[in-house]
Amino acid sequence: MDRGRQLVVTAAVVAAALVAQRAGAQELPGPTKAKQYMASFVQAFSTCGSPNDTTTGAISLPACHPAIPVDTGCTFGPGGRGTGSAVVLPADGVNPQDIRIRGRLIGLSPGCEGETLCVSATLVVSTVGCTSDDPAGCTMSTLTDFPIGTMGNGCGVVQDGKVKLRTTVNTAFNAEVLNSNTVIQVRGVGVRRTTSVNSMAPSASSFESGFLTR
């Protein structure tokens, strides 16, 4: 497994694997329960660097035209849609604590056929497993659009316009990487194309978590 390409849902777990996992009596502040993350995927568009337009409506904001998909070769078709989720799995006496990651995209364009798509995420992780032993814990640097896993492990090949993405954090890293008090801030979840079967793969995620209004 290529560890340089690995991450959830959940790339932030990489950092959790790198720090000493010595969760003591310290606890990070947080809610009593936050065990599930769910998302819908939309087409990702290139960011606006030099505005040449403005939006209309109640609030006018700088914008760039035309809107350009990050991946012009692999897109959603007319009936396309995608969903994803990440769920914390508690330790059960046999298996350690883990995070299950699931994603599914359907109705993809012909330009996606045969291409490999992988889960990616932008995450910030705070944990009490720190080499400093600081009772307030530590926070990792942001992991931006970081890929999770390799083929068969957070990745899948598009067939008939569909792809399923399945993995867990421990499976992706082949290690127990979560401690008992880790806060994972999900800044964004994406689906990244890693092959160039039909067109050159982009350098960022083709699809991102988000909303679509009609």
N, C-alpha and C. Protein backbone atom coordinates (compact mmCIF):
# COMPACT_ATOMS: atom_id res chain seq x y z
N MET A 1 0.85 -1.19 0.00
CA MET A 1 0.00 0.00 0.00
C MET A 1 0.89 1.25 0.00
N ASP A 2 0.55 2.23 -0.88
CA ASP A 2 1.34 3.44 -1.01
C ASP A 2 0.96 4.43 0.08
N ARG A 3 1.77 4.49 1.15
CA ARG A 3 1.40 5.33 2.29
C ARG A 3 1.48 6.81 1.97
N GLY A 4 2.23 7.18 0.90
CA GLY A 4 2.30 8.59 0.56
C GLY A 4 1.01 9.11 0.00
N ARG A 5 0.05 8.21 -0.35
CA ARG A 5 -1.22 8.63 -0.94
C ARG A 5 -2.38 8.42 0.01
N GLN A 6 -2.15 8.27 1.31
CA GLN A 6 -3.23 7.86 2.18
C GLN A 6 -3.71 8.91 3.17
N LEU A 7 -4.85 8.75 3.53
CA LEU A 7 -5.48 9.52 4.56
C LEU A 7 -6.12 8.75 5.68
N VAL A 8 -11.04 10.32 5.18
CA VAL A 8 -12.13 10.16 5.44
C VAL A 8 -12.22 10.98 5.06
N VAL A 9 -12.71 10.31 4.97
CA VAL A 9 -13.09 10.79 5.20
C VAL A 9 -12.61 11.21 5.53
N THR A 10 -10.83 11.70 5.51
CA THR A 10 -10.46 11.69 6.75
C THR A 10 -9.03 11.53 6.86
N ALA A 11 -8.53 12.31 6.20
CA ALA A 11 -7.13 12.57 6.07
C ALA A 11 -6.55 13.05 7.35
N ALA A 12 -7.29 13.69 8.16
CA ALA A 12 -6.76 14.21 9.41
C ALA A 12 -6.25 13.12 10.28
N VAL A 13 -6.61 11.93 10.01
CA VAL A 13 -6.17 10.81 10.81
C VAL A 13 -4.70 10.53 10.63
N VAL A 14 -4.13 10.97 9.53
CA VAL A 14 -2.70 10.79 9.31
C VAL A 14 -1.93 11.38 10.46
N ALA A 15 -2.30 12.59 10.84
CA ALA A 15 -1.58 13.22 11.91
C ALA A 15 -1.76 12.47 13.19
N ALA A 16 -2.94 11.94 13.42
CA ALA A 16 -3.19 11.19 14.64
C ALA A 16 -2.29 9.96 14.69
N ALA A 17 -1.90 9.45 13.54
CA ALA A 17 -1.03 8.28 13.50
C ALA A 17 0.41 8.66 13.79
N LEU A 18 0.75 9.93 13.57
CA LEU A 18 2.12 10.35 13.72
C LEU A 18 2.46 10.79 15.14
N VAL A 19 1.44 11.14 15.91
CA VAL A 19 1.71 11.60 17.27
C VAL A 19 1.66 10.45 18.24
N ALA A 20 2.31 10.58 19.39
CA ALA A 20 2.27 9.54 20.41
C ALA A 20 0.85 9.40 20.92
N GLN A 21 0.36 8.19 20.97
CA GLN A 21 -1.03 7.99 21.36
C GLN A 21 -1.08 7.66 22.84
N ARG A 22 -0.94 8.68 23.63
CA ARG A 22 -0.89 8.49 25.07
C ARG A 22 -2.00 9.27 25.75
N ALA A 23 -3.23 9.04 25.31
CA ALA A 23 -4.35 9.80 25.87
C ALA A 23 -4.46 9.55 27.36
N GLY A 24 -4.24 10.58 28.12
CA GLY A 24 -4.31 10.45 29.57
C GLY A 24 -5.63 10.96 30.09
N ALA A 25 -5.58 11.64 31.21
CA ALA A 25 -6.81 12.13 31.83
C ALA A 25 -7.32 13.39 31.13
N GLN A 26 -6.48 13.99 30.24
CA GLN A 26 -6.89 15.22 29.58
C GLN A 26 -8.09 14.96 28.67
N GLU A 27 -8.90 15.99 28.49
CA GLU A 27 -10.01 15.90 27.56
C GLU A 27 -10.17 17.21 26.83
N LEU A 28 -10.37 17.15 25.52
CA LEU A 28 -10.65 18.34 24.75
C LEU A 28 -12.12 18.70 24.90
N PRO A 29 -12.46 19.99 24.93
CA PRO A 29 -13.87 20.37 25.05
C PRO A 29 -14.63 19.96 23.79
N GLY A 30 -15.88 19.60 23.96
CA GLY A 30 -16.66 19.21 22.80
C GLY A 30 -18.06 18.78 23.19
N PRO A 31 -18.87 18.38 22.23
CA PRO A 31 -20.22 17.93 22.51
C PRO A 31 -20.20 16.54 23.14
N THR A 32 -21.32 16.12 23.67
CA THR A 32 -21.39 14.78 24.26
C THR A 32 -21.38 13.71 23.18
N LYS A 33 -21.78 14.10 21.96
CA LYS A 33 -21.82 13.11 20.88
C LYS A 33 -21.66 13.79 19.53
N ALA A 34 -20.74 13.29 18.72
CA ALA A 34 -20.56 13.76 17.34
C ALA A 34 -19.88 12.61 16.60
N LYS A 35 -20.67 11.62 16.21
CA LYS A 35 -20.13 10.37 15.70
C LYS A 35 -20.35 10.15 14.21
N GLN A 36 -21.02 11.09 13.53
CA GLN A 36 -21.35 10.83 12.13
C GLN A 36 -21.22 12.09 11.30
N TYR A 37 -20.71 11.92 10.08
CA TYR A 37 -20.61 13.02 9.11
C TYR A 37 -21.23 12.54 7.81
N MET A 38 -22.12 13.35 7.22
CA MET A 38 -22.76 12.99 5.96
C MET A 38 -22.65 14.14 4.98
N ALA A 39 -22.54 13.81 3.70
CA ALA A 39 -22.36 14.85 2.70
C ALA A 39 -23.00 14.45 1.38
N SER A 40 -23.37 15.46 0.59
CA SER A 40 -23.73 15.29 -0.81
C SER A 40 -22.59 15.87 -1.64
N PHE A 41 -22.35 15.30 -2.81
CA PHE A 41 -21.27 15.78 -3.66
C PHE A 41 -21.81 16.62 -4.81
N VAL A 42 -21.09 17.69 -5.12
CA VAL A 42 -21.40 18.54 -6.26
C VAL A 42 -20.15 18.63 -7.14
N GLN A 43 -20.35 19.11 -8.37
CA GLN A 43 -19.20 19.32 -9.25
C GLN A 43 -18.31 20.41 -8.65
N ALA A 44 -17.01 20.19 -8.62
CA ALA A 44 -16.09 21.20 -8.11
C ALA A 44 -15.73 22.18 -9.24
N PHE A 45 -15.72 23.47 -8.92
CA PHE A 45 -15.36 24.50 -9.89
C PHE A 45 -14.10 25.22 -9.45
N SER A 46 -13.33 25.69 -10.42
CA SER A 46 -12.09 26.41 -10.13
C SER A 46 -12.39 27.68 -9.34
N THR A 47 -11.52 28.00 -8.38
CA THR A 47 -11.71 29.20 -7.58
C THR A 47 -11.47 30.45 -8.42
N CYS A 48 -11.99 31.57 -7.94
CA CYS A 48 -11.88 32.84 -8.66
C CYS A 48 -10.67 33.62 -8.14
N GLY A 49 -9.69 33.80 -9.00
CA GLY A 49 -8.48 34.52 -8.60
C GLY A 49 -8.49 35.98 -8.96
N SER A 50 -8.93 36.31 -10.17
CA SER A 50 -8.98 37.70 -10.65
C SER A 50 -10.39 37.99 -11.14
N PRO A 51 -11.25 38.53 -10.27
CA PRO A 51 -12.66 38.75 -10.63
C PRO A 51 -12.82 39.61 -11.89
N ASN A 52 -13.74 39.18 -12.74
CA ASN A 52 -14.10 39.95 -13.94
C ASN A 52 -15.62 40.06 -14.06
N ASP A 53 -16.31 39.80 -12.94
CA ASP A 53 -17.77 39.79 -12.95
C ASP A 53 -18.26 40.03 -11.53
N THR A 54 -19.58 40.17 -11.36
CA THR A 54 -20.19 40.26 -10.04
C THR A 54 -21.48 39.45 -10.04
N THR A 55 -21.87 38.98 -8.87
CA THR A 55 -23.13 38.25 -8.77
C THR A 55 -24.29 39.24 -8.69
N THR A 56 -25.49 38.77 -9.06
CA THR A 56 -26.68 39.60 -8.97
C THR A 56 -27.49 39.18 -7.75
N GLY A 57 -28.50 39.95 -7.41
CA GLY A 57 -29.33 39.63 -6.26
C GLY A 57 -29.15 40.63 -5.14
N ALA A 58 -29.55 40.22 -3.94
CA ALA A 58 -29.51 41.13 -2.79
C ALA A 58 -28.09 41.54 -2.44
N ILE A 59 -27.14 40.64 -2.66
CA ILE A 59 -25.74 40.94 -2.34
C ILE A 59 -24.90 40.74 -3.58
N SER A 60 -24.19 41.78 -4.01
CA SER A 60 -23.28 41.69 -5.15
C SER A 60 -21.89 41.35 -4.64
N LEU A 61 -21.32 40.27 -5.17
CA LEU A 61 -20.00 39.84 -4.76
C LEU A 61 -19.12 39.63 -5.98
N PRO A 62 -17.81 39.89 -5.83
CA PRO A 62 -16.89 39.68 -6.96
C PRO A 62 -16.95 38.23 -7.44
N ALA A 63 -16.83 38.04 -8.74
CA ALA A 63 -16.90 36.71 -9.31
C ALA A 63 -16.06 36.64 -10.58
N CYS A 64 -15.90 35.41 -11.09
CA CYS A 64 -15.17 35.20 -12.34
C CYS A 64 -16.08 34.44 -13.32
N HIS A 65 -16.07 34.87 -14.56
CA HIS A 65 -16.80 34.11 -15.58
C HIS A 65 -15.81 33.72 -16.69
N PRO A 66 -16.07 32.58 -17.32
CA PRO A 66 -17.14 31.61 -17.05
C PRO A 66 -16.78 30.71 -15.86
N ALA A 67 -17.80 30.00 -15.33
CA ALA A 67 -17.54 29.01 -14.28
C ALA A 67 -16.91 27.78 -14.94
N ILE A 68 -15.73 27.39 -14.47
CA ILE A 68 -14.98 26.30 -15.10
C ILE A 68 -14.83 25.13 -14.14
N PRO A 69 -15.35 23.94 -14.50
CA PRO A 69 -15.16 22.78 -13.63
C PRO A 69 -13.68 22.47 -13.43
N VAL A 70 -13.33 22.04 -12.24
CA VAL A 70 -11.95 21.62 -11.98
C VAL A 70 -11.57 20.49 -12.92
N ASP A 71 -12.50 19.58 -13.14
CA ASP A 71 -12.28 18.44 -14.03
C ASP A 71 -13.26 18.55 -15.20
N THR A 72 -12.77 18.99 -16.35
CA THR A 72 -13.63 19.15 -17.51
C THR A 72 -13.88 17.83 -18.23
N GLY A 73 -13.10 16.80 -17.89
CA GLY A 73 -13.24 15.51 -18.56
C GLY A 73 -14.20 14.57 -17.87
N CYS A 74 -14.27 14.64 -16.55
CA CYS A 74 -15.10 13.74 -15.75
C CYS A 74 -16.06 14.58 -14.93
N THR A 75 -17.35 14.49 -15.24
CA THR A 75 -18.34 15.33 -14.58
C THR A 75 -19.58 14.50 -14.25
N PHE A 76 -20.53 15.10 -13.54
CA PHE A 76 -21.84 14.49 -13.37
C PHE A 76 -22.60 14.59 -14.69
N GLY A 77 -23.33 13.52 -15.04
CA GLY A 77 -24.24 13.58 -16.16
C GLY A 77 -25.54 14.23 -15.72
N PRO A 78 -26.55 14.32 -16.62
CA PRO A 78 -27.82 14.99 -16.30
C PRO A 78 -28.51 14.45 -15.06
N GLY A 79 -28.42 13.14 -14.80
CA GLY A 79 -29.08 12.56 -13.63
C GLY A 79 -28.10 12.15 -12.55
N GLY A 80 -26.91 12.72 -12.59
CA GLY A 80 -25.87 12.31 -11.66
C GLY A 80 -26.09 12.80 -10.25
N ARG A 81 -25.56 12.05 -9.30
CA ARG A 81 -25.60 12.46 -7.90
C ARG A 81 -24.59 11.63 -7.11
N GLY A 82 -24.26 12.12 -5.92
CA GLY A 82 -23.30 11.41 -5.08
C GLY A 82 -23.50 11.73 -3.62
N THR A 83 -23.22 10.75 -2.78
CA THR A 83 -23.33 10.93 -1.33
C THR A 83 -22.13 10.28 -0.66
N GLY A 84 -21.86 10.72 0.58
CA GLY A 84 -20.77 10.14 1.35
C GLY A 84 -21.05 10.23 2.84
N SER A 85 -20.38 9.38 3.61
CA SER A 85 -20.56 9.40 5.05
C SER A 85 -19.32 8.88 5.74
N ALA A 86 -19.16 9.29 6.99
CA ALA A 86 -18.11 8.77 7.86
C ALA A 86 -18.73 8.55 9.23
N VAL A 87 -18.52 7.37 9.80
CA VAL A 87 -19.14 7.01 11.07
C VAL A 87 -18.09 6.44 12.01
N VAL A 88 -18.07 6.92 13.24
CA VAL A 88 -17.14 6.40 14.24
C VAL A 88 -17.62 5.04 14.71
N LEU A 89 -16.74 4.06 14.66
CA LEU A 89 -17.04 2.70 15.14
C LEU A 89 -16.34 2.51 16.48
N PRO A 90 -17.08 2.29 17.58
CA PRO A 90 -16.46 2.15 18.89
C PRO A 90 -15.69 0.84 19.01
N ALA A 91 -14.71 0.83 19.89
CA ALA A 91 -14.00 -0.41 20.18
C ALA A 91 -14.99 -1.41 20.77
N ASP A 92 -14.86 -2.68 20.39
CA ASP A 92 -15.84 -3.68 20.85
C ASP A 92 -15.20 -4.84 21.62
N GLY A 93 -13.97 -4.67 22.07
CA GLY A 93 -13.29 -5.73 22.79
C GLY A 93 -12.45 -6.61 21.89
N VAL A 94 -12.80 -6.61 20.59
CA VAL A 94 -12.03 -7.36 19.60
C VAL A 94 -11.36 -6.40 18.62
N ASN A 95 -12.15 -5.45 18.12
CA ASN A 95 -11.64 -4.46 17.17
C ASN A 95 -11.46 -3.12 17.85
N PRO A 96 -10.39 -2.38 17.52
CA PRO A 96 -10.18 -1.06 18.12
C PRO A 96 -11.12 -0.03 17.52
N GLN A 97 -11.16 1.16 18.13
CA GLN A 97 -11.94 2.26 17.60
C GLN A 97 -11.51 2.56 16.17
N ASP A 98 -12.47 2.89 15.31
CA ASP A 98 -12.17 3.11 13.90
C ASP A 98 -13.18 4.10 13.32
N ILE A 99 -12.98 4.51 12.07
CA ILE A 99 -13.93 5.35 11.36
C ILE A 99 -14.22 4.69 10.02
N ARG A 100 -15.48 4.39 9.77
CA ARG A 100 -15.90 3.79 8.51
C ARG A 100 -16.25 4.89 7.51
N ILE A 101 -15.71 4.78 6.30
CA ILE A 101 -15.91 5.79 5.27
C ILE A 101 -16.62 5.15 4.08
N ARG A 102 -17.68 5.81 3.61
CA ARG A 102 -18.45 5.29 2.48
C ARG A 102 -18.76 6.43 1.52
N GLY A 103 -18.74 6.12 0.23
CA GLY A 103 -19.12 7.09 -0.79
C GLY A 103 -19.70 6.38 -2.00
N ARG A 104 -20.59 7.04 -2.71
CA ARG A 104 -21.19 6.45 -3.92
C ARG A 104 -21.56 7.58 -4.87
N LEU A 105 -21.12 7.45 -6.11
CA LEU A 105 -21.48 8.40 -7.16
C LEU A 105 -22.11 7.63 -8.31
N ILE A 106 -23.19 8.14 -8.87
CA ILE A 106 -23.86 7.51 -10.01
C ILE A 106 -24.18 8.58 -11.05
N GLY A 107 -24.47 8.13 -12.26
CA GLY A 107 -24.82 9.07 -13.31
C GLY A 107 -23.65 9.93 -13.75
N LEU A 108 -22.44 9.35 -13.73
CA LEU A 108 -21.26 10.10 -14.15
C LEU A 108 -21.16 10.12 -15.67
N SER A 109 -20.47 11.12 -16.19
CA SER A 109 -20.36 11.30 -17.64
C SER A 109 -19.47 10.22 -18.26
N PRO A 110 -19.56 10.00 -19.59
CA PRO A 110 -18.71 9.02 -20.26
C PRO A 110 -17.22 9.28 -20.06
N GLY A 111 -16.84 10.53 -19.81
CA GLY A 111 -15.44 10.85 -19.59
C GLY A 111 -14.88 10.30 -18.29
N CYS A 112 -15.78 9.80 -17.41
CA CYS A 112 -15.34 9.19 -16.15
C CYS A 112 -15.12 7.69 -16.28
N GLU A 113 -15.65 7.09 -17.35
CA GLU A 113 -15.65 5.64 -17.48
C GLU A 113 -14.22 5.08 -17.47
N GLY A 114 -14.00 4.09 -16.60
CA GLY A 114 -12.68 3.47 -16.49
C GLY A 114 -11.69 4.25 -15.65
N GLU A 115 -12.07 5.43 -15.19
CA GLU A 115 -11.16 6.24 -14.36
C GLU A 115 -11.24 5.81 -12.90
N THR A 116 -10.14 5.98 -12.18
CA THR A 116 -10.10 5.67 -10.75
C THR A 116 -10.38 6.94 -9.95
N LEU A 117 -11.37 6.86 -9.06
CA LEU A 117 -11.73 7.97 -8.19
C LEU A 117 -11.44 7.57 -6.74
N CYS A 118 -10.94 8.51 -5.96
CA CYS A 118 -10.56 8.24 -4.57
C CYS A 118 -11.11 9.32 -3.64
N VAL A 119 -11.40 8.92 -2.41
CA VAL A 119 -11.84 9.87 -1.38
C VAL A 119 -10.68 10.80 -1.03
N SER A 120 -10.99 12.06 -0.82
CA SER A 120 -10.01 13.02 -0.31
C SER A 120 -10.71 13.90 0.72
N ALA A 121 -9.93 14.62 1.51
CA ALA A 121 -10.54 15.46 2.55
C ALA A 121 -9.61 16.60 2.95
N THR A 122 -10.22 17.69 3.39
CA THR A 122 -9.48 18.79 4.00
C THR A 122 -9.87 18.81 5.48
N LEU A 123 -8.89 18.53 6.34
CA LEU A 123 -9.19 18.30 7.75
C LEU A 123 -8.20 19.01 8.67
N VAL A 124 -8.67 19.30 9.87
CA VAL A 124 -7.83 19.78 10.97
C VAL A 124 -8.08 18.87 12.16
N VAL A 125 -7.01 18.32 12.74
CA VAL A 125 -7.16 17.36 13.84
C VAL A 125 -6.55 17.91 15.12
N SER A 126 -7.32 17.83 16.20
CA SER A 126 -6.82 18.16 17.54
C SER A 126 -6.88 16.90 18.38
N THR A 127 -5.86 16.68 19.19
CA THR A 127 -5.76 15.43 19.94
C THR A 127 -5.03 15.63 21.25
N VAL A 128 -5.24 14.73 22.19
CA VAL A 128 -4.47 14.76 23.44
C VAL A 128 -3.25 13.86 23.32
N GLY A 129 -3.10 13.17 22.19
CA GLY A 129 -1.92 12.34 21.98
C GLY A 129 -0.79 13.16 21.38
N CYS A 130 -0.08 13.91 22.22
CA CYS A 130 0.96 14.84 21.76
C CYS A 130 2.27 14.54 22.49
N THR A 131 3.39 14.65 21.81
CA THR A 131 4.68 14.37 22.45
C THR A 131 4.99 15.36 23.57
N SER A 132 4.37 16.55 23.50
CA SER A 132 4.61 17.56 24.54
C SER A 132 3.94 17.21 25.86
N ASP A 133 2.91 16.34 25.81
CA ASP A 133 2.11 16.03 26.99
C ASP A 133 1.36 17.27 27.50
N ASP A 134 1.18 18.26 26.64
CA ASP A 134 0.43 19.45 27.03
C ASP A 134 -0.99 19.02 27.41
N PRO A 135 -1.46 19.35 28.61
CA PRO A 135 -2.81 18.93 29.03
C PRO A 135 -3.91 19.53 28.16
N ALA A 136 -3.59 20.61 27.43
CA ALA A 136 -4.58 21.22 26.54
C ALA A 136 -4.57 20.57 25.16
N GLY A 137 -3.72 19.55 24.94
CA GLY A 137 -3.66 18.87 23.66
C GLY A 137 -2.90 19.67 22.61
N CYS A 138 -2.99 19.23 21.36
CA CYS A 138 -2.31 19.92 20.26
C CYS A 138 -3.17 19.81 19.00
N THR A 139 -2.95 20.72 18.06
CA THR A 139 -3.69 20.75 16.80
C THR A 139 -2.72 20.64 15.64
N MET A 140 -3.02 19.74 14.70
CA MET A 140 -2.16 19.54 13.55
C MET A 140 -2.32 20.64 12.51
N SER A 141 -1.35 20.73 11.63
CA SER A 141 -1.48 21.61 10.48
C SER A 141 -2.60 21.08 9.58
N THR A 142 -3.24 21.97 8.86
CA THR A 142 -4.35 21.57 7.99
C THR A 142 -3.89 20.63 6.89
N LEU A 143 -4.62 19.54 6.71
CA LEU A 143 -4.40 18.64 5.58
C LEU A 143 -5.38 19.05 4.49
N THR A 144 -4.87 19.51 3.35
CA THR A 144 -5.71 20.08 2.31
C THR A 144 -5.87 19.11 1.14
N ASP A 145 -7.13 18.79 0.83
CA ASP A 145 -7.45 17.92 -0.31
C ASP A 145 -6.55 16.69 -0.31
N PHE A 146 -6.46 16.06 0.83
CA PHE A 146 -5.52 14.95 1.02
C PHE A 146 -6.18 13.63 0.62
N PRO A 147 -5.51 12.81 -0.20
CA PRO A 147 -6.12 11.55 -0.65
C PRO A 147 -6.16 10.51 0.45
N ILE A 148 -7.22 9.70 0.44
CA ILE A 148 -7.39 8.64 1.42
C ILE A 148 -7.29 7.30 0.71
N GLY A 149 -6.26 6.56 1.02
CA GLY A 149 -6.19 5.19 0.53
C GLY A 149 -5.70 5.02 -0.88
N THR A 150 -5.67 3.76 -1.30
CA THR A 150 -5.26 3.37 -2.64
C THR A 150 -6.32 2.44 -3.21
N MET A 151 -6.06 1.86 -4.36
CA MET A 151 -7.04 1.03 -5.04
C MET A 151 -7.64 -0.03 -4.12
N GLY A 152 -8.96 -0.12 -4.14
CA GLY A 152 -9.66 -1.09 -3.30
C GLY A 152 -9.72 -0.67 -1.85
N ASN A 153 -9.26 0.53 -1.55
CA ASN A 153 -9.14 0.98 -0.17
C ASN A 153 -9.41 2.48 -0.15
N GLY A 154 -10.67 2.84 -0.36
CA GLY A 154 -11.02 4.25 -0.47
C GLY A 154 -11.03 4.74 -1.89
N CYS A 155 -10.78 3.84 -2.86
CA CYS A 155 -10.80 4.18 -4.28
C CYS A 155 -11.65 3.18 -5.04
N GLY A 156 -12.08 3.54 -6.24
CA GLY A 156 -12.84 2.63 -7.08
C GLY A 156 -12.75 3.05 -8.54
N VAL A 157 -13.01 2.12 -9.43
CA VAL A 157 -12.99 2.38 -10.87
C VAL A 157 -14.43 2.58 -11.35
N VAL A 158 -14.66 3.64 -12.11
CA VAL A 158 -16.01 3.94 -12.62
C VAL A 158 -16.40 2.91 -13.68
N GLN A 159 -17.55 2.28 -13.45
CA GLN A 159 -18.10 1.33 -14.41
C GLN A 159 -19.58 1.64 -14.61
N ASP A 160 -19.99 1.78 -15.87
CA ASP A 160 -21.38 2.11 -16.19
C ASP A 160 -21.83 3.39 -15.47
N GLY A 161 -20.91 4.34 -15.36
CA GLY A 161 -21.24 5.63 -14.76
C GLY A 161 -21.36 5.63 -13.26
N LYS A 162 -20.93 4.53 -12.60
CA LYS A 162 -21.08 4.41 -11.15
C LYS A 162 -19.77 4.01 -10.49
N VAL A 163 -19.61 4.43 -9.23
CA VAL A 163 -18.44 4.02 -8.46
C VAL A 163 -18.80 4.00 -6.98
N LYS A 164 -18.28 3.00 -6.26
CA LYS A 164 -18.43 2.93 -4.81
C LYS A 164 -17.07 3.10 -4.17
N LEU A 165 -17.02 3.83 -3.07
CA LEU A 165 -15.79 4.09 -2.34
C LEU A 165 -15.97 3.57 -0.92
N ARG A 166 -15.12 2.64 -0.47
CA ARG A 166 -15.27 1.99 0.82
C ARG A 166 -13.91 1.84 1.50
N THR A 167 -13.84 2.21 2.76
CA THR A 167 -12.64 1.94 3.54
C THR A 167 -12.92 2.28 5.00
N THR A 168 -11.96 2.02 5.86
CA THR A 168 -11.95 2.55 7.23
C THR A 168 -10.60 3.20 7.44
N VAL A 169 -10.52 4.03 8.45
CA VAL A 169 -9.26 4.72 8.72
C VAL A 169 -8.15 3.72 9.05
N ASN A 170 -8.44 2.75 9.91
CA ASN A 170 -7.41 1.79 10.29
C ASN A 170 -6.99 0.92 9.10
N THR A 171 -7.95 0.60 8.22
CA THR A 171 -7.61 -0.17 7.03
C THR A 171 -6.72 0.64 6.11
N ALA A 172 -7.04 1.91 5.94
CA ALA A 172 -6.27 2.77 5.04
C ALA A 172 -4.82 2.89 5.47
N PHE A 173 -4.58 2.91 6.79
CA PHE A 173 -3.22 3.09 7.28
C PHE A 173 -2.58 1.82 7.81
N ASN A 174 -3.37 0.73 7.78
CA ASN A 174 -2.87 -0.55 8.27
C ASN A 174 -2.32 -0.40 9.69
N ALA A 175 -3.03 0.38 10.50
CA ALA A 175 -2.60 0.64 11.88
C ALA A 175 -3.78 1.18 12.68
N GLU A 176 -3.67 1.12 14.01
CA GLU A 176 -4.66 1.73 14.90
C GLU A 176 -4.24 3.17 15.14
N VAL A 177 -4.96 4.09 14.54
CA VAL A 177 -4.48 5.47 14.52
C VAL A 177 -5.29 6.46 15.36
N LEU A 178 -6.39 6.03 15.95
CA LEU A 178 -7.22 6.94 16.74
C LEU A 178 -6.97 6.74 18.22
N ASN A 179 -6.91 7.85 18.97
CA ASN A 179 -6.89 7.73 20.42
C ASN A 179 -8.27 8.06 20.96
N SER A 180 -8.41 8.08 22.26
CA SER A 180 -9.74 8.19 22.86
C SER A 180 -10.29 9.61 22.89
N ASN A 181 -9.52 10.59 22.50
CA ASN A 181 -10.02 11.97 22.52
C ASN A 181 -9.42 12.74 21.35
N THR A 182 -9.98 12.56 20.18
CA THR A 182 -9.52 13.23 18.97
C THR A 182 -10.69 13.98 18.34
N VAL A 183 -10.47 15.25 18.03
CA VAL A 183 -11.48 16.07 17.37
C VAL A 183 -11.04 16.28 15.92
N ILE A 184 -11.87 15.84 14.97
CA ILE A 184 -11.56 15.97 13.55
C ILE A 184 -12.51 17.01 12.95
N GLN A 185 -11.96 18.15 12.58
CA GLN A 185 -12.74 19.20 11.94
C GLN A 185 -12.73 18.95 10.43
N VAL A 186 -13.89 18.72 9.87
CA VAL A 186 -14.00 18.45 8.44
C VAL A 186 -14.24 19.76 7.70
N ARG A 187 -13.22 20.24 7.02
CA ARG A 187 -13.34 21.49 6.27
C ARG A 187 -13.87 21.23 4.85
N GLY A 188 -13.84 19.97 4.44
CA GLY A 188 -14.36 19.62 3.12
C GLY A 188 -14.01 18.18 2.78
N VAL A 189 -14.90 17.50 2.06
CA VAL A 189 -14.65 16.15 1.58
C VAL A 189 -14.81 16.15 0.07
N GLY A 190 -13.91 15.45 -0.61
CA GLY A 190 -13.97 15.44 -2.06
C GLY A 190 -13.77 14.05 -2.63
N VAL A 191 -13.91 13.98 -3.94
CA VAL A 191 -13.60 12.77 -4.70
C VAL A 191 -12.63 13.18 -5.80
N ARG A 192 -11.45 12.58 -5.77
CA ARG A 192 -10.37 12.99 -6.65
C ARG A 192 -10.08 11.93 -7.70
N ARG A 193 -9.87 12.37 -8.94
CA ARG A 193 -9.51 11.44 -10.02
C ARG A 193 -8.00 11.27 -10.04
N THR A 194 -7.54 10.02 -10.02
CA THR A 194 -6.11 9.76 -9.94
C THR A 194 -5.55 9.14 -11.22
N THR A 195 -6.40 8.90 -12.22
CA THR A 195 -5.93 8.32 -13.48
C THR A 195 -6.27 9.24 -14.64
N SER A 196 -5.65 8.97 -15.78
CA SER A 196 -5.86 9.79 -16.98
C SER A 196 -6.22 8.90 -18.17
N VAL A 197 -7.22 8.05 -17.98
CA VAL A 197 -7.64 7.12 -19.02
C VAL A 197 -8.23 7.86 -20.22
N ASN A 198 -9.11 8.81 -19.96
CA ASN A 198 -9.80 9.53 -21.02
C ASN A 198 -9.30 10.96 -21.22
N SER A 199 -8.79 11.55 -20.17
CA SER A 199 -8.25 12.91 -20.23
C SER A 199 -7.31 13.10 -19.05
N MET A 200 -6.52 14.16 -19.09
CA MET A 200 -5.54 14.40 -18.03
C MET A 200 -6.24 14.65 -16.70
N ALA A 201 -5.79 13.93 -15.66
CA ALA A 201 -6.38 14.11 -14.33
C ALA A 201 -6.04 15.49 -13.79
N PRO A 202 -6.99 16.16 -13.12
CA PRO A 202 -6.73 17.47 -12.54
C PRO A 202 -5.89 17.35 -11.28
N SER A 203 -5.40 18.46 -10.79
CA SER A 203 -4.56 18.46 -9.60
C SER A 203 -5.36 18.65 -8.32
N ALA A 204 -6.68 18.72 -8.41
CA ALA A 204 -7.54 18.88 -7.25
C ALA A 204 -8.76 17.98 -7.42
N SER A 205 -9.61 17.93 -6.41
CA SER A 205 -10.77 17.05 -6.44
C SER A 205 -11.76 17.45 -7.55
N SER A 206 -12.29 16.43 -8.23
CA SER A 206 -13.28 16.66 -9.28
C SER A 206 -14.66 16.98 -8.69
N PHE A 207 -14.95 16.38 -7.52
CA PHE A 207 -16.23 16.56 -6.86
C PHE A 207 -15.98 16.94 -5.41
N GLU A 208 -16.84 17.82 -4.87
CA GLU A 208 -16.67 18.28 -3.50
C GLU A 208 -18.02 18.19 -2.76
N SER A 209 -17.94 18.07 -1.43
CA SER A 209 -19.17 18.11 -0.64
C SER A 209 -19.79 19.50 -0.74
N GLY A 210 -21.14 19.55 -0.86
CA GLY A 210 -21.77 20.85 -1.00
C GLY A 210 -23.26 20.75 -1.24
N PHE A 211 -23.85 21.85 -1.72
CA PHE A 211 -25.28 21.94 -2.00
C PHE A 211 -25.49 22.38 -3.43
N LEU A 212 -26.67 22.05 -3.97
CA LEU A 212 -27.07 22.53 -5.28
C LEU A 212 -28.50 23.01 -5.19
N THR A 213 -28.76 24.25 -5.65
CA THR A 213 -30.12 24.77 -5.69
C THR A 213 -30.59 24.79 -7.14
N ARG A 214 -31.89 24.60 -7.32
CA ARG A 214 -32.49 24.59 -8.66
C ARG A 214 -33.61 25.62 -8.72
